[in-house]
Protein backbone atom coordinates (compact mmCIF):
# COMPACT_ATOMS: atom_id res chain seq x y z
CA MET A 1 -3.21 -26.86 -10.66
CA THR A 2 0.40 -27.56 -10.63
CA LYS A 3 2.02 -30.54 -9.18
CA ILE A 4 5.22 -29.91 -7.40
CA ASP A 5 6.35 -33.22 -6.78
CA ASN A 6 9.39 -34.10 -4.46
CA GLY A 7 12.56 -33.66 -6.64
CA THR A 8 11.01 -30.54 -8.49
CA TRP A 9 13.69 -27.87 -8.48
CA VAL A 10 12.43 -24.31 -7.90
CA LEU A 11 14.18 -21.19 -9.28
CA VAL A 12 13.87 -17.78 -7.63
CA ALA A 13 15.62 -14.91 -9.10
CA ASP A 14 15.48 -10.98 -9.43
CA GLY A 15 18.15 -9.55 -11.74
CA GLU A 16 20.77 -9.93 -9.36
CA LYS A 17 20.23 -12.76 -7.03
CA ALA A 18 18.97 -16.24 -7.53
CA LEU A 19 18.44 -19.19 -5.45
CA ILE A 20 17.92 -22.84 -6.70
CA LEU A 21 16.04 -24.96 -4.24
CA GLU A 22 14.57 -28.50 -4.37
CA ASN A 23 11.50 -30.05 -2.82
CA ILE A 24 12.20 -32.73 -0.67
CA THR A 25 8.66 -33.53 0.27
CA ASP A 26 5.39 -33.30 -1.73
CA ASP A 27 3.17 -30.46 -3.37
CA GLN A 28 0.87 -29.81 -0.52
CA HIS A 29 3.61 -29.11 2.03
CA PRO A 30 6.64 -28.19 0.06
CA ASN A 31 10.14 -28.42 1.86
CA LEU A 32 12.54 -26.66 -0.03
CA ARG A 33 16.11 -27.04 0.60
CA VAL A 34 19.21 -24.93 -1.05
CA VAL A 35 20.67 -26.48 -3.91
CA ARG A 36 22.86 -23.30 -5.08
CA LYS A 37 22.94 -19.44 -4.54
CA GLU A 38 23.98 -17.14 -7.12
CA GLU A 39 24.79 -13.29 -6.72
CA GLN A 40 26.04 -10.66 -8.91
CA GLU A 41 27.47 -7.77 -7.54
CA ASN A 42 25.60 -4.83 -9.81
CA PRO A 43 25.72 -1.51 -8.18
CA PRO A 44 23.28 1.32 -9.57
CA ASP A 45 24.20 2.65 -13.15
CA ARG A 46 25.32 5.89 -11.52
CA ASP A 47 28.07 4.23 -10.16
CA GLN A 48 29.16 1.93 -13.37
CA ALA A 49 28.84 4.62 -15.63
CA THR A 50 32.07 7.33 -16.26
CA ASP A 51 31.13 9.88 -18.47
CA LYS A 52 27.78 12.10 -19.43
CA ALA A 53 25.92 11.05 -22.28
CA GLY A 54 27.85 11.75 -25.71
CA ARG A 55 26.72 14.38 -28.17
CA GLN A 56 26.76 13.91 -32.20
CA ALA A 57 26.77 16.87 -34.84
CA ASP A 58 23.36 17.38 -36.46
CA ASP A 59 22.74 18.57 -39.77
CA GLY A 60 22.29 22.35 -39.30
CA PRO A 61 24.53 25.06 -38.13
CA GLY A 62 25.60 24.54 -34.67
CA GLN A 63 23.28 21.70 -33.82
CA ARG A 64 24.15 19.00 -31.68
CA THR A 65 22.27 15.70 -30.44
CA ALA A 66 22.50 14.00 -26.91
CA LEU A 67 23.16 10.12 -27.46
CA ALA A 68 21.36 7.71 -25.35
CA GLU A 69 23.85 6.37 -22.36
CA THR A 70 24.32 2.72 -21.98
CA ASP A 71 22.21 1.44 -18.93
CA PHE A 72 25.26 -0.79 -17.50
CA HIS A 73 23.18 -1.93 -14.70
CA GLN A 74 20.38 -3.19 -17.16
CA LEU A 75 23.05 -4.78 -19.15
CA ALA A 76 24.25 -6.52 -15.93
CA LYS A 77 20.82 -7.67 -15.09
CA ASP A 78 20.35 -9.06 -18.65
CA ARG A 79 23.81 -10.82 -18.57
CA PHE A 80 22.73 -12.33 -15.24
CA ALA A 81 19.69 -14.00 -16.81
CA SER A 82 21.72 -15.59 -19.40
CA ASP A 83 24.32 -16.72 -16.85
CA LEU A 84 21.20 -18.53 -14.91
CA ALA A 85 20.34 -20.04 -18.23
CA ASP A 86 23.56 -21.41 -18.73
CA ILE A 87 23.59 -22.84 -15.09
CA LEU A 88 19.77 -24.21 -15.36
CA TYR A 89 21.09 -26.09 -18.58
CA ARG A 90 24.15 -27.61 -17.34
CA HIS A 91 22.08 -29.06 -14.11
CA ALA A 92 19.36 -30.33 -16.77
CA HIS A 93 21.54 -32.01 -19.04
CA LYS A 94 23.16 -33.57 -16.39
CA GLY A 95 19.58 -35.05 -15.42
CA ARG A 96 19.56 -33.38 -11.94
CA PHE A 97 16.04 -32.34 -12.29
CA ASP A 98 13.10 -33.32 -14.26
CA LYS A 99 10.48 -30.34 -12.95
CA LEU A 100 11.49 -26.74 -12.58
CA VAL A 101 9.12 -23.98 -11.03
CA VAL A 102 10.50 -20.27 -12.04
CA VAL A 103 9.51 -17.73 -9.69
CA ALA A 104 10.64 -14.16 -10.74
CA SER A 105 9.36 -10.69 -11.32
CA PRO A 106 7.59 -10.52 -14.80
CA GLN A 107 10.47 -8.50 -15.94
CA VAL A 108 13.10 -11.08 -15.15
CA LEU A 109 10.79 -14.07 -16.39
CA GLY A 110 10.71 -11.75 -19.83
CA ALA A 111 14.79 -11.65 -19.67
CA LEU A 112 14.95 -15.46 -19.01
CA ARG A 113 12.45 -16.90 -21.27
CA PRO A 114 14.38 -16.22 -24.61
CA GLU A 115 17.65 -17.38 -22.67
CA LEU A 116 16.59 -20.70 -21.56
CA HIS A 117 17.39 -23.97 -23.50
CA LYS A 118 14.50 -25.93 -24.95
CA GLU A 119 15.77 -28.76 -22.77
CA VAL A 120 15.15 -26.26 -19.36
CA SER A 121 12.02 -24.82 -20.90
CA ASP A 122 10.43 -28.24 -21.42
CA LYS A 123 10.76 -28.89 -17.73
CA ILE A 124 9.04 -25.82 -16.49
CA VAL A 125 5.64 -27.00 -14.66
CA ALA A 126 5.11 -23.48 -13.52
CA GLU A 127 5.79 -19.64 -13.33
CA ILE A 128 5.10 -17.51 -10.38
CA ALA A 129 5.29 -13.98 -11.45
CA LYS A 130 6.73 -12.58 -7.82
CA THR A 131 10.08 -11.21 -6.44
CA LEU A 132 10.89 -13.68 -3.55
CA THR A 133 14.45 -13.41 -3.52
CA ASN A 134 14.55 -11.71 -0.39
CA HIS A 135 12.03 -13.44 1.50
CA PRO A 136 12.57 -16.37 3.69
CA VAL A 137 12.03 -20.04 2.47
CA VAL A 138 8.81 -20.59 4.32
CA GLU A 139 7.37 -17.88 2.60
CA ILE A 140 8.84 -19.17 -0.89
CA GLU A 141 7.16 -22.66 0.22
CA GLN A 142 3.92 -21.13 0.97
CA ALA A 143 3.76 -19.01 -2.41
CA ILE A 144 4.47 -22.70 -3.90
CA ALA A 145 1.94 -24.44 -2.19
CA ASP A 146 -0.64 -21.66 -2.93
CA GLU A 147 0.50 -21.90 -6.68
CA ALA A 148 -0.35 -25.87 -6.50
CA ALA A 149 -3.56 -25.62 -4.81
C-alpha cells in the first residue's frame, strides 16, 4: 500500500505529453491540481524521415545490404524522457516535492528510469504502469486512489 500524502507530486506521461500534478488533499480522496504541462510535437516517423534507408556495398560481386533506417519518432520520445527527468530534477533540487508517483506506460517507465537523477528516484513512492495522459484528472485521481488502497 502506497500513501499519497498532501503535497505528493504525480507525473503522468507518455512519449509525447506529460502532466505534473500535485495532490492537495489526502491519499483516500486525491485531489490533483496541475502544476505543469509538457508537450512535444512528434509527428510519425514517416513524416520526419526524408529518404529511404541507405545501402552499403557487401562482399561479393554486385551485392548490397540495406541499412536500418533511423526511427526519428522513437528518438524524439527518448529525448522527451530525458527532458522530463531534467525538469523533475530541477524541481526536486529546489525542494518543491518530497514524494513522487509516476504514471506511465511500461515503455515510458523503462525509458524514464535510467534518465532520473538519484535525488528524484529516491522520492518515487509508486509507479503505475498505465497510459493515462489523455484521461481526465478525475480518472487519474481514481487510478491513484486504487493504487493507494
